[in-house]
């Protein structure tokens, strides 16, 4: 009997019957389909996670931007208090100091502050005496009896209001006309 190589022995051990080969092919097809289904499931999961992560990044960036904007608005609102102080100081300067270099320096600082506010998109709200009261832009502090203005009209601006771009940063504080009555003084704050 001739000597057989190991490869020949293995070849003899392999069952090449068509029935067994078809069964193995069916089994491999089933395994392939299961693997493809699992891969598709993993792909859908990965795509969902990627979309959720991108939404998270977008929301986080929007929140950061919004928070930075709110912090900026808060700071600008505080700076408006300084602008009011400059307004009062310039309006109350004595006539004797009109040409004084120190007063001119204070006025120059006020101009720089106004330019800074403008560069940040802050502008004053224009209030015309006699214009209609607008609750979106005005805060009524007092009612003033007036025969010169219709009831509900702005009589005077008590504190300048400001807007930043298209939003009101601080409403104008105003006195509002009411129908004349027996008393001569303004009434208390509006509620």
N, C-alpha and C. Protein backbone atom coordinates (compact mmCIF):
# COMPACT_ATOMS: atom_id res chain seq x y z
N UNK A 1 0.83 -1.14 0.00
CA UNK A 1 0.00 0.00 0.00
C UNK A 1 0.90 1.23 0.00
N UNK A 2 0.64 2.07 -0.92
CA UNK A 2 1.47 3.24 -1.04
C UNK A 2 1.24 4.20 0.15
N UNK A 3 2.24 4.91 0.40
CA UNK A 3 2.19 5.84 1.52
C UNK A 3 1.42 7.09 1.09
N UNK A 4 0.48 7.51 1.95
CA UNK A 4 -0.37 8.66 1.61
C UNK A 4 0.09 9.90 2.40
N UNK A 5 0.04 11.00 1.73
CA UNK A 5 0.44 12.24 2.41
C UNK A 5 -0.72 12.72 3.28
N UNK A 6 -0.35 13.58 4.15
CA UNK A 6 -1.35 14.12 5.06
C UNK A 6 -2.44 14.87 4.28
N UNK A 7 -2.09 15.61 3.25
CA UNK A 7 -3.05 16.34 2.42
C UNK A 7 -4.01 15.37 1.76
N UNK A 8 -3.49 14.23 1.31
CA UNK A 8 -4.36 13.23 0.67
C UNK A 8 -5.32 12.65 1.70
N UNK A 9 -4.83 12.44 2.93
CA UNK A 9 -5.70 11.90 3.97
C UNK A 9 -6.82 12.89 4.30
N UNK A 10 -6.49 14.16 4.36
CA UNK A 10 -7.51 15.17 4.66
C UNK A 10 -8.52 15.25 3.51
N UNK A 11 -8.06 15.18 2.31
CA UNK A 11 -8.95 15.24 1.15
C UNK A 11 -9.93 14.08 1.20
N UNK A 12 -9.48 12.90 1.65
CA UNK A 12 -10.37 11.75 1.74
C UNK A 12 -11.41 11.95 2.85
N UNK A 13 -11.03 12.71 3.91
CA UNK A 13 -11.94 12.94 5.03
C UNK A 13 -13.04 13.93 4.68
N UNK A 14 -12.81 14.77 3.71
CA UNK A 14 -13.79 15.79 3.33
C UNK A 14 -14.92 15.11 2.60
N UNK A 15 -16.14 15.43 3.09
CA UNK A 15 -17.34 14.86 2.48
C UNK A 15 -17.79 15.82 1.39
N UNK A 16 -17.72 15.39 0.17
CA UNK A 16 -18.07 16.23 -0.97
C UNK A 16 -19.46 15.92 -1.49
N UNK A 17 -20.29 15.31 -0.68
CA UNK A 17 -21.62 14.94 -1.17
C UNK A 17 -22.44 16.21 -1.38
N UNK A 18 -23.22 16.26 -2.44
CA UNK A 18 -24.02 17.45 -2.76
C UNK A 18 -24.99 17.82 -1.64
N UNK A 19 -25.53 16.88 -0.95
CA UNK A 19 -26.50 17.16 0.10
C UNK A 19 -25.83 17.91 1.24
N UNK A 20 -24.66 17.42 1.63
CA UNK A 20 -23.93 18.07 2.72
C UNK A 20 -23.46 19.47 2.29
N UNK A 21 -22.99 19.63 1.06
CA UNK A 21 -22.54 20.93 0.57
C UNK A 21 -23.71 21.93 0.52
N UNK A 22 -24.88 21.50 0.09
CA UNK A 22 -26.05 22.38 0.05
C UNK A 22 -26.46 22.79 1.46
N UNK A 23 -26.36 21.88 2.42
CA UNK A 23 -26.70 22.19 3.80
C UNK A 23 -25.72 23.22 4.35
N UNK A 24 -24.43 23.05 4.04
CA UNK A 24 -23.43 24.02 4.50
C UNK A 24 -23.65 25.39 3.84
N UNK A 25 -24.01 25.40 2.58
CA UNK A 25 -24.27 26.66 1.86
C UNK A 25 -25.47 27.35 2.50
N UNK A 26 -26.54 26.59 2.80
CA UNK A 26 -27.71 27.19 3.44
C UNK A 26 -27.36 27.76 4.82
N UNK A 27 -26.55 27.00 5.56
CA UNK A 27 -26.13 27.47 6.88
C UNK A 27 -25.31 28.75 6.76
N UNK A 28 -24.39 28.77 5.81
CA UNK A 28 -23.56 29.97 5.61
C UNK A 28 -24.41 31.16 5.14
N UNK A 29 -25.41 30.92 4.30
CA UNK A 29 -26.31 32.00 3.87
C UNK A 29 -27.08 32.55 5.07
N UNK A 30 -27.55 31.67 5.94
CA UNK A 30 -28.28 32.10 7.13
C UNK A 30 -27.38 32.94 8.03
N UNK A 31 -26.14 32.46 8.23
CA UNK A 31 -25.19 33.20 9.05
C UNK A 31 -24.87 34.56 8.42
N UNK A 32 -24.73 34.58 7.08
CA UNK A 32 -24.45 35.83 6.37
C UNK A 32 -25.61 36.81 6.53
N UNK A 33 -26.84 36.33 6.39
CA UNK A 33 -28.00 37.20 6.54
C UNK A 33 -28.09 37.75 7.97
N UNK A 34 -27.80 36.89 8.94
CA UNK A 34 -27.82 37.34 10.34
C UNK A 34 -26.74 38.39 10.57
N UNK A 35 -25.55 38.17 10.01
CA UNK A 35 -24.45 39.12 10.17
C UNK A 35 -24.79 40.44 9.47
N UNK A 36 -25.39 40.36 8.28
CA UNK A 36 -25.78 41.58 7.56
C UNK A 36 -26.87 42.34 8.32
N UNK A 37 -27.84 41.60 8.90
CA UNK A 37 -28.89 42.25 9.67
C UNK A 37 -28.30 42.94 10.90
N UNK A 38 -27.35 42.27 11.56
CA UNK A 38 -26.72 42.87 12.73
C UNK A 38 -25.89 44.09 12.33
N UNK A 39 -25.19 44.00 11.20
CA UNK A 39 -24.40 45.14 10.72
C UNK A 39 -25.31 46.32 10.39
N UNK A 40 -26.47 46.04 9.76
CA UNK A 40 -27.42 47.11 9.44
C UNK A 40 -27.96 47.74 10.73
N UNK A 41 -28.22 46.90 11.74
CA UNK A 41 -28.70 47.40 13.02
C UNK A 41 -27.64 48.29 13.68
N UNK A 42 -26.39 47.85 13.64
CA UNK A 42 -25.30 48.66 14.19
C UNK A 42 -25.16 49.97 13.44
N UNK A 43 -25.30 49.93 12.11
CA UNK A 43 -25.18 51.14 11.29
C UNK A 43 -26.27 52.14 11.65
N UNK A 44 -27.52 51.65 11.79
CA UNK A 44 -28.63 52.53 12.15
C UNK A 44 -28.37 53.13 13.54
N UNK A 45 -27.90 52.31 14.47
CA UNK A 45 -27.58 52.81 15.81
C UNK A 45 -26.48 53.86 15.77
N UNK A 46 -25.45 53.60 14.98
CA UNK A 46 -24.35 54.56 14.85
C UNK A 46 -24.84 55.87 14.24
N UNK A 47 -25.66 55.77 13.20
CA UNK A 47 -26.18 56.99 12.57
C UNK A 47 -27.05 57.78 13.56
N UNK A 48 -27.87 57.08 14.35
CA UNK A 48 -28.72 57.73 15.34
C UNK A 48 -27.86 58.43 16.39
N UNK A 49 -26.82 57.74 16.87
CA UNK A 49 -25.94 58.33 17.88
C UNK A 49 -25.20 59.54 17.30
N UNK A 50 -24.77 59.43 16.06
CA UNK A 50 -24.07 60.55 15.42
C UNK A 50 -25.00 61.75 15.30
N UNK A 51 -26.25 61.50 14.89
CA UNK A 51 -27.21 62.60 14.76
C UNK A 51 -27.48 63.23 16.13
N UNK A 52 -27.64 62.40 17.17
CA UNK A 52 -27.87 62.92 18.51
C UNK A 52 -26.67 63.74 18.99
N UNK A 53 -25.47 63.27 18.68
CA UNK A 53 -24.28 64.00 19.10
C UNK A 53 -24.19 65.34 18.38
N UNK A 54 -24.50 65.36 17.09
CA UNK A 54 -24.46 66.63 16.36
C UNK A 54 -25.52 67.60 16.90
N UNK A 55 -26.70 67.07 17.24
CA UNK A 55 -27.74 67.92 17.85
C UNK A 55 -27.28 68.45 19.19
N UNK A 56 -26.61 67.60 19.97
CA UNK A 56 -26.08 68.01 21.26
C UNK A 56 -25.05 69.14 21.07
N UNK A 57 -24.15 68.98 20.12
CA UNK A 57 -23.14 70.01 19.87
C UNK A 57 -23.79 71.32 19.44
N UNK A 58 -24.81 71.22 18.56
CA UNK A 58 -25.50 72.42 18.09
C UNK A 58 -26.21 73.11 19.25
N UNK A 59 -26.94 72.32 20.07
CA UNK A 59 -27.64 72.90 21.22
C UNK A 59 -26.66 73.53 22.21
N UNK A 60 -25.55 72.86 22.45
CA UNK A 60 -24.55 73.38 23.38
C UNK A 60 -23.98 74.70 22.85
N UNK A 61 -23.68 74.74 21.56
CA UNK A 61 -23.14 75.97 20.97
C UNK A 61 -24.17 77.10 21.05
N UNK A 62 -25.45 76.79 20.78
CA UNK A 62 -26.50 77.80 20.87
C UNK A 62 -26.66 78.30 22.30
N UNK A 63 -26.62 77.37 23.27
CA UNK A 63 -26.74 77.77 24.67
C UNK A 63 -25.56 78.64 25.09
N UNK A 64 -24.37 78.25 24.65
CA UNK A 64 -23.18 79.04 24.99
C UNK A 64 -23.30 80.44 24.39
N UNK A 65 -23.75 80.51 23.15
CA UNK A 65 -23.91 81.79 22.47
C UNK A 65 -24.98 82.64 23.16
N UNK A 66 -26.11 81.99 23.53
CA UNK A 66 -27.19 82.70 24.21
C UNK A 66 -26.70 83.20 25.57
N UNK A 67 -26.00 82.35 26.32
CA UNK A 67 -25.50 82.75 27.63
C UNK A 67 -24.51 83.91 27.52
N UNK A 68 -23.66 83.84 26.51
CA UNK A 68 -22.71 84.93 26.30
C UNK A 68 -23.45 86.22 25.95
N UNK A 69 -24.51 86.09 25.15
CA UNK A 69 -25.31 87.27 24.79
C UNK A 69 -26.01 87.85 26.00
N UNK A 70 -26.55 86.97 26.86
CA UNK A 70 -27.22 87.46 28.08
C UNK A 70 -26.23 88.13 29.01
N UNK A 71 -25.04 87.56 29.13
CA UNK A 71 -24.02 88.17 29.98
C UNK A 71 -23.63 89.52 29.42
N UNK A 72 -23.50 89.61 28.09
CA UNK A 72 -23.18 90.88 27.45
C UNK A 72 -24.28 91.90 27.65
N UNK A 73 -25.55 91.46 27.53
CA UNK A 73 -26.68 92.37 27.75
C UNK A 73 -26.70 92.85 29.19
N UNK A 74 -26.41 91.95 30.12
CA UNK A 74 -26.40 92.31 31.54
C UNK A 74 -25.34 93.37 31.81
N UNK A 75 -24.15 93.18 31.23
CA UNK A 75 -23.08 94.15 31.41
C UNK A 75 -23.45 95.49 30.77
N UNK A 76 -24.02 95.44 29.56
CA UNK A 76 -24.42 96.68 28.90
C UNK A 76 -25.48 97.42 29.71
N UNK A 77 -26.40 96.68 30.32
CA UNK A 77 -27.42 97.32 31.16
C UNK A 77 -26.77 98.04 32.33
N UNK A 78 -25.71 97.45 32.89
CA UNK A 78 -24.99 98.13 33.98
C UNK A 78 -24.27 99.38 33.47
N UNK A 79 -23.71 99.30 32.28
CA UNK A 79 -23.00 100.45 31.70
C UNK A 79 -23.98 101.60 31.43
N UNK A 80 -25.24 101.26 31.16
CA UNK A 80 -26.24 102.32 30.93
C UNK A 80 -26.41 103.19 32.17
N UNK A 81 -26.22 102.62 33.35
CA UNK A 81 -26.26 103.41 34.58
C UNK A 81 -25.16 104.47 34.58
N UNK A 82 -23.99 104.09 34.08
CA UNK A 82 -22.89 105.07 33.95
C UNK A 82 -23.25 106.16 32.95
N UNK A 83 -23.86 105.76 31.85
CA UNK A 83 -24.27 106.74 30.84
C UNK A 83 -25.26 107.73 31.44
N UNK A 84 -26.19 107.22 32.27
CA UNK A 84 -27.15 108.11 32.94
C UNK A 84 -26.43 109.09 33.86
N UNK A 85 -25.43 108.59 34.58
CA UNK A 85 -24.66 109.47 35.48
C UNK A 85 -23.95 110.56 34.69
N UNK A 86 -23.38 110.21 33.54
CA UNK A 86 -22.73 111.23 32.71
C UNK A 86 -23.75 112.25 32.23
N UNK A 87 -24.94 111.77 31.82
CA UNK A 87 -26.00 112.70 31.38
C UNK A 87 -26.32 113.70 32.49
N UNK A 88 -26.52 113.20 33.71
CA UNK A 88 -26.86 114.08 34.83
C UNK A 88 -25.72 115.05 35.13
N UNK A 89 -24.48 114.55 35.09
CA UNK A 89 -23.33 115.41 35.40
C UNK A 89 -23.19 116.52 34.36
N UNK A 90 -23.37 116.19 33.10
CA UNK A 90 -23.22 117.19 32.03
C UNK A 90 -24.36 118.20 32.09
N UNK A 91 -25.59 117.72 32.36
CA UNK A 91 -26.74 118.63 32.44
C UNK A 91 -26.64 119.55 33.66
N UNK A 92 -26.02 119.09 34.75
CA UNK A 92 -25.97 119.86 35.99
C UNK A 92 -24.70 120.69 36.14
N UNK A 93 -23.83 120.72 35.13
CA UNK A 93 -22.59 121.48 35.29
C UNK A 93 -22.91 122.97 35.42
N UNK A 94 -22.21 123.62 36.28
CA UNK A 94 -22.45 125.07 36.46
C UNK A 94 -22.03 125.82 35.19
N UNK A 95 -22.73 126.89 34.92
CA UNK A 95 -22.44 127.71 33.74
C UNK A 95 -21.02 128.28 33.80
N UNK A 96 -20.52 128.51 34.99
CA UNK A 96 -19.17 129.08 35.14
C UNK A 96 -18.09 128.11 34.66
N UNK A 97 -18.39 126.80 34.63
CA UNK A 97 -17.41 125.81 34.20
C UNK A 97 -17.57 125.40 32.73
N UNK A 98 -18.37 126.14 31.99
CA UNK A 98 -18.69 125.75 30.61
C UNK A 98 -17.45 125.55 29.74
N UNK A 99 -16.42 126.34 29.85
CA UNK A 99 -15.24 126.21 29.00
C UNK A 99 -14.08 125.51 29.69
N UNK A 100 -14.29 125.02 30.88
CA UNK A 100 -13.23 124.39 31.67
C UNK A 100 -12.74 123.10 30.99
N UNK A 101 -11.41 122.90 30.90
CA UNK A 101 -10.88 121.69 30.27
C UNK A 101 -11.31 120.40 30.99
N UNK A 102 -11.51 120.48 32.28
CA UNK A 102 -11.94 119.29 33.01
C UNK A 102 -13.34 118.86 32.55
N UNK A 103 -14.22 119.83 32.38
CA UNK A 103 -15.58 119.55 31.91
C UNK A 103 -15.52 119.00 30.48
N UNK A 104 -14.64 119.58 29.67
CA UNK A 104 -14.48 119.07 28.30
C UNK A 104 -13.99 117.63 28.31
N UNK A 105 -13.13 117.29 29.27
CA UNK A 105 -12.64 115.91 29.40
C UNK A 105 -13.76 114.96 29.77
N UNK A 106 -14.62 115.38 30.70
CA UNK A 106 -15.77 114.55 31.08
C UNK A 106 -16.69 114.37 29.88
N UNK A 107 -16.90 115.42 29.13
CA UNK A 107 -17.75 115.34 27.93
C UNK A 107 -17.13 114.39 26.90
N UNK A 108 -15.81 114.44 26.76
CA UNK A 108 -15.13 113.53 25.82
C UNK A 108 -15.27 112.08 26.26
N UNK A 109 -15.20 111.83 27.56
CA UNK A 109 -15.39 110.47 28.07
C UNK A 109 -16.81 110.00 27.79
N UNK A 110 -17.78 110.90 27.94
CA UNK A 110 -19.17 110.57 27.64
C UNK A 110 -19.33 110.19 26.16
N UNK A 111 -18.68 110.96 25.27
CA UNK A 111 -18.75 110.65 23.84
C UNK A 111 -18.15 109.27 23.55
N UNK A 112 -17.02 108.95 24.19
CA UNK A 112 -16.40 107.64 24.00
C UNK A 112 -17.33 106.52 24.48
N UNK A 113 -17.98 106.76 25.60
CA UNK A 113 -18.92 105.77 26.13
C UNK A 113 -20.07 105.57 25.15
N UNK A 114 -20.58 106.64 24.59
CA UNK A 114 -21.68 106.54 23.60
C UNK A 114 -21.23 105.78 22.35
N UNK A 115 -19.99 106.05 21.90
CA UNK A 115 -19.47 105.32 20.73
C UNK A 115 -19.30 103.84 21.04
N UNK A 116 -18.85 103.51 22.24
CA UNK A 116 -18.73 102.12 22.65
C UNK A 116 -20.09 101.43 22.63
N UNK A 117 -21.10 102.08 23.19
CA UNK A 117 -22.45 101.50 23.18
C UNK A 117 -22.96 101.30 21.76
N UNK A 118 -22.74 102.30 20.90
CA UNK A 118 -23.16 102.19 19.50
C UNK A 118 -22.46 101.03 18.81
N UNK A 119 -21.17 100.84 19.09
CA UNK A 119 -20.42 99.75 18.44
C UNK A 119 -20.95 98.39 18.87
N UNK A 120 -21.61 98.32 20.03
CA UNK A 120 -22.20 97.07 20.51
C UNK A 120 -23.64 96.92 20.07
N UNK A 121 -24.13 97.85 19.26
CA UNK A 121 -25.50 97.76 18.75
C UNK A 121 -26.54 98.40 19.65
N UNK A 122 -26.09 99.20 20.62
CA UNK A 122 -27.02 99.86 21.55
C UNK A 122 -27.38 101.24 21.00
N UNK A 123 -28.68 101.53 20.97
CA UNK A 123 -29.12 102.85 20.52
C UNK A 123 -30.23 103.34 21.45
N UNK A 124 -30.33 104.64 21.56
CA UNK A 124 -31.35 105.24 22.41
C UNK A 124 -32.72 105.10 21.76
N UNK A 125 -33.73 104.92 22.59
CA UNK A 125 -35.11 104.89 22.10
C UNK A 125 -35.59 106.33 22.04
N UNK A 126 -36.06 106.75 20.87
CA UNK A 126 -36.56 108.12 20.71
C UNK A 126 -37.95 108.23 21.32
N UNK A 127 -38.10 109.21 22.18
CA UNK A 127 -39.40 109.46 22.81
C UNK A 127 -39.79 110.90 22.50
N UNK A 128 -40.88 111.06 21.82
CA UNK A 128 -41.39 112.38 21.49
C UNK A 128 -42.54 112.71 22.43
N UNK A 129 -42.47 113.84 23.13
CA UNK A 129 -43.62 114.24 23.95
C UNK A 129 -44.86 114.33 23.06
N UNK A 130 -45.95 113.77 23.55
CA UNK A 130 -47.20 113.77 22.79
C UNK A 130 -47.41 112.47 22.02
N UNK A 131 -46.35 111.64 21.91
CA UNK A 131 -46.52 110.36 21.21
C UNK A 131 -47.29 109.38 22.09
N UNK A 132 -47.86 108.39 21.48
CA UNK A 132 -48.64 107.40 22.22
C UNK A 132 -47.74 106.54 23.10
N UNK A 133 -48.23 106.21 24.28
CA UNK A 133 -47.50 105.32 25.19
C UNK A 133 -47.43 103.94 24.56
N UNK A 134 -46.22 103.37 24.52
CA UNK A 134 -46.01 102.03 23.96
C UNK A 134 -45.42 101.15 25.07
N UNK A 135 -46.18 100.21 25.60
CA UNK A 135 -45.68 99.40 26.72
C UNK A 135 -44.47 98.54 26.37
N UNK A 136 -44.19 98.34 25.10
CA UNK A 136 -43.01 97.57 24.69
C UNK A 136 -41.73 98.40 24.81
N UNK A 137 -41.87 99.72 24.73
CA UNK A 137 -40.70 100.59 24.76
C UNK A 137 -40.70 101.55 25.95
N UNK A 138 -41.84 101.69 26.61
CA UNK A 138 -41.95 102.68 27.69
C UNK A 138 -42.35 102.01 28.99
N UNK A 139 -41.89 102.60 30.07
CA UNK A 139 -42.33 102.21 31.41
C UNK A 139 -42.91 103.47 32.04
N UNK A 140 -44.21 103.44 32.34
CA UNK A 140 -44.89 104.61 32.89
C UNK A 140 -44.59 104.68 34.38
N UNK A 141 -44.01 105.81 34.81
CA UNK A 141 -43.72 105.99 36.23
C UNK A 141 -44.79 106.81 36.93
N UNK A 142 -45.32 107.80 36.25
CA UNK A 142 -46.34 108.66 36.86
C UNK A 142 -47.38 109.06 35.82
N UNK A 143 -48.58 109.35 36.33
CA UNK A 143 -49.62 109.97 35.52
C UNK A 143 -49.61 111.45 35.83
N UNK A 144 -49.64 112.27 34.80
CA UNK A 144 -49.59 113.72 34.97
C UNK A 144 -50.84 114.32 34.34
N UNK A 145 -51.62 115.09 35.11
CA UNK A 145 -52.77 115.76 34.50
C UNK A 145 -52.29 116.72 33.42
N UNK A 146 -52.89 116.63 32.26
CA UNK A 146 -52.42 117.48 31.16
C UNK A 146 -53.58 117.84 30.24
N UNK A 147 -53.70 119.14 29.98
CA UNK A 147 -54.68 119.61 29.01
C UNK A 147 -54.04 119.70 27.63
N UNK A 148 -52.70 119.66 27.59
CA UNK A 148 -51.97 119.80 26.33
C UNK A 148 -51.84 118.50 25.56
N UNK A 149 -51.94 117.36 26.25
CA UNK A 149 -51.74 116.06 25.62
C UNK A 149 -52.96 115.19 25.85
N UNK A 150 -53.27 114.34 24.87
CA UNK A 150 -54.40 113.43 25.07
C UNK A 150 -54.07 112.39 26.16
N UNK A 151 -55.09 111.88 26.79
CA UNK A 151 -54.88 110.89 27.83
C UNK A 151 -54.14 109.67 27.25
N UNK A 152 -53.12 109.20 27.98
CA UNK A 152 -52.34 108.05 27.53
C UNK A 152 -51.13 108.42 26.68
N UNK A 153 -50.97 109.71 26.40
CA UNK A 153 -49.81 110.15 25.61
C UNK A 153 -48.62 110.40 26.54
N UNK A 154 -47.43 110.27 26.00
CA UNK A 154 -46.21 110.54 26.76
C UNK A 154 -46.07 112.04 26.93
N UNK A 155 -45.90 112.47 28.18
CA UNK A 155 -45.72 113.89 28.47
C UNK A 155 -44.24 114.23 28.49
N UNK A 156 -43.43 113.37 29.15
CA UNK A 156 -42.00 113.64 29.26
C UNK A 156 -41.25 112.34 29.47
N UNK A 157 -40.00 112.36 29.03
CA UNK A 157 -39.11 111.22 29.28
C UNK A 157 -38.35 111.51 30.57
N UNK A 158 -38.45 110.60 31.54
CA UNK A 158 -37.79 110.79 32.82
C UNK A 158 -36.42 110.11 32.84
N UNK A 159 -36.28 109.02 32.11
CA UNK A 159 -34.99 108.34 31.97
C UNK A 159 -34.94 107.72 30.58
N UNK A 160 -33.83 107.96 29.90
CA UNK A 160 -33.66 107.47 28.54
C UNK A 160 -33.69 105.94 28.49
N UNK A 161 -34.36 105.42 27.48
CA UNK A 161 -34.40 103.97 27.25
C UNK A 161 -33.47 103.60 26.11
N UNK A 162 -33.09 102.32 26.06
CA UNK A 162 -32.17 101.85 25.03
C UNK A 162 -32.62 100.52 24.46
N UNK A 163 -32.25 100.31 23.23
CA UNK A 163 -32.47 99.01 22.61
C UNK A 163 -31.14 98.49 22.11
N UNK A 164 -31.02 97.19 22.05
CA UNK A 164 -29.85 96.55 21.48
C UNK A 164 -30.34 95.80 20.25
N UNK A 165 -29.83 96.23 19.13
CA UNK A 165 -30.29 95.73 17.83
C UNK A 165 -31.82 95.85 17.75
N UNK A 166 -32.56 94.76 17.80
CA UNK A 166 -34.01 94.84 17.64
C UNK A 166 -34.78 94.58 18.94
N UNK A 167 -34.07 94.49 20.08
CA UNK A 167 -34.71 94.22 21.36
C UNK A 167 -34.54 95.41 22.30
N UNK A 168 -35.51 95.58 23.17
CA UNK A 168 -35.41 96.65 24.17
C UNK A 168 -34.50 96.15 25.29
N UNK A 169 -33.44 96.89 25.53
CA UNK A 169 -32.50 96.57 26.61
C UNK A 169 -33.01 97.17 27.92
N UNK A 170 -33.49 98.41 27.83
CA UNK A 170 -34.09 99.08 28.99
C UNK A 170 -35.15 100.02 28.45
N UNK A 171 -36.39 99.90 28.94
CA UNK A 171 -37.44 100.79 28.43
C UNK A 171 -37.23 102.22 28.89
N UNK A 172 -37.76 103.15 28.12
CA UNK A 172 -37.75 104.56 28.51
C UNK A 172 -38.74 104.74 29.65
N UNK A 173 -38.31 105.43 30.69
CA UNK A 173 -39.21 105.72 31.80
C UNK A 173 -39.84 107.07 31.52
N UNK A 174 -41.18 107.06 31.52
CA UNK A 174 -41.89 108.25 31.06
C UNK A 174 -43.00 108.64 32.02
N UNK A 175 -43.43 109.89 31.85
CA UNK A 175 -44.63 110.40 32.50
C UNK A 175 -45.73 110.37 31.45
N UNK A 176 -46.91 109.91 31.86
CA UNK A 176 -48.02 109.73 30.92
C UNK A 176 -49.15 110.68 31.29
N UNK A 177 -49.78 111.26 30.27
CA UNK A 177 -50.86 112.22 30.48
C UNK A 177 -52.13 111.52 30.95
N UNK A 178 -52.82 112.20 31.82
CA UNK A 178 -54.16 111.76 32.21
C UNK A 178 -55.07 112.98 32.13
N UNK A 179 -56.33 112.74 32.15
CA UNK A 179 -57.29 113.84 32.05
C UNK A 179 -57.09 114.78 33.24
N UNK A 180 -57.18 116.09 33.01
CA UNK A 180 -57.00 117.05 34.11
C UNK A 180 -58.06 116.83 35.18
N UNK A 181 -57.65 117.01 36.43
CA UNK A 181 -58.61 116.91 37.53
C UNK A 181 -58.42 118.09 38.46
N UNK A 182 -59.07 118.04 39.57
CA UNK A 182 -59.04 119.14 40.54
C UNK A 182 -57.64 119.38 41.09
N UNK A 183 -56.89 118.28 41.37
CA UNK A 183 -55.55 118.41 41.95
C UNK A 183 -54.54 118.90 40.91
N UNK A 184 -53.45 119.47 41.37
CA UNK A 184 -52.44 119.99 40.45
C UNK A 184 -51.19 119.14 40.36
N UNK A 185 -50.98 118.17 41.25
CA UNK A 185 -49.73 117.39 41.26
C UNK A 185 -49.88 116.07 40.55
N UNK A 186 -48.74 115.48 40.23
CA UNK A 186 -48.79 114.16 39.59
C UNK A 186 -49.24 113.12 40.60
N UNK A 187 -49.88 112.08 40.09
CA UNK A 187 -50.29 110.99 40.97
C UNK A 187 -49.12 110.05 41.17
N UNK A 188 -49.29 109.07 42.00
CA UNK A 188 -48.22 108.12 42.30
C UNK A 188 -47.92 107.19 41.14
N UNK A 189 -47.01 106.21 41.39
CA UNK A 189 -46.63 105.28 40.33
C UNK A 189 -47.82 104.48 39.83
N UNK A 190 -47.75 104.12 38.56
CA UNK A 190 -48.78 103.27 37.97
C UNK A 190 -48.59 101.85 38.42
N UNK A 191 -49.65 101.13 38.63
CA UNK A 191 -49.56 99.71 39.02
C UNK A 191 -50.12 98.86 37.93
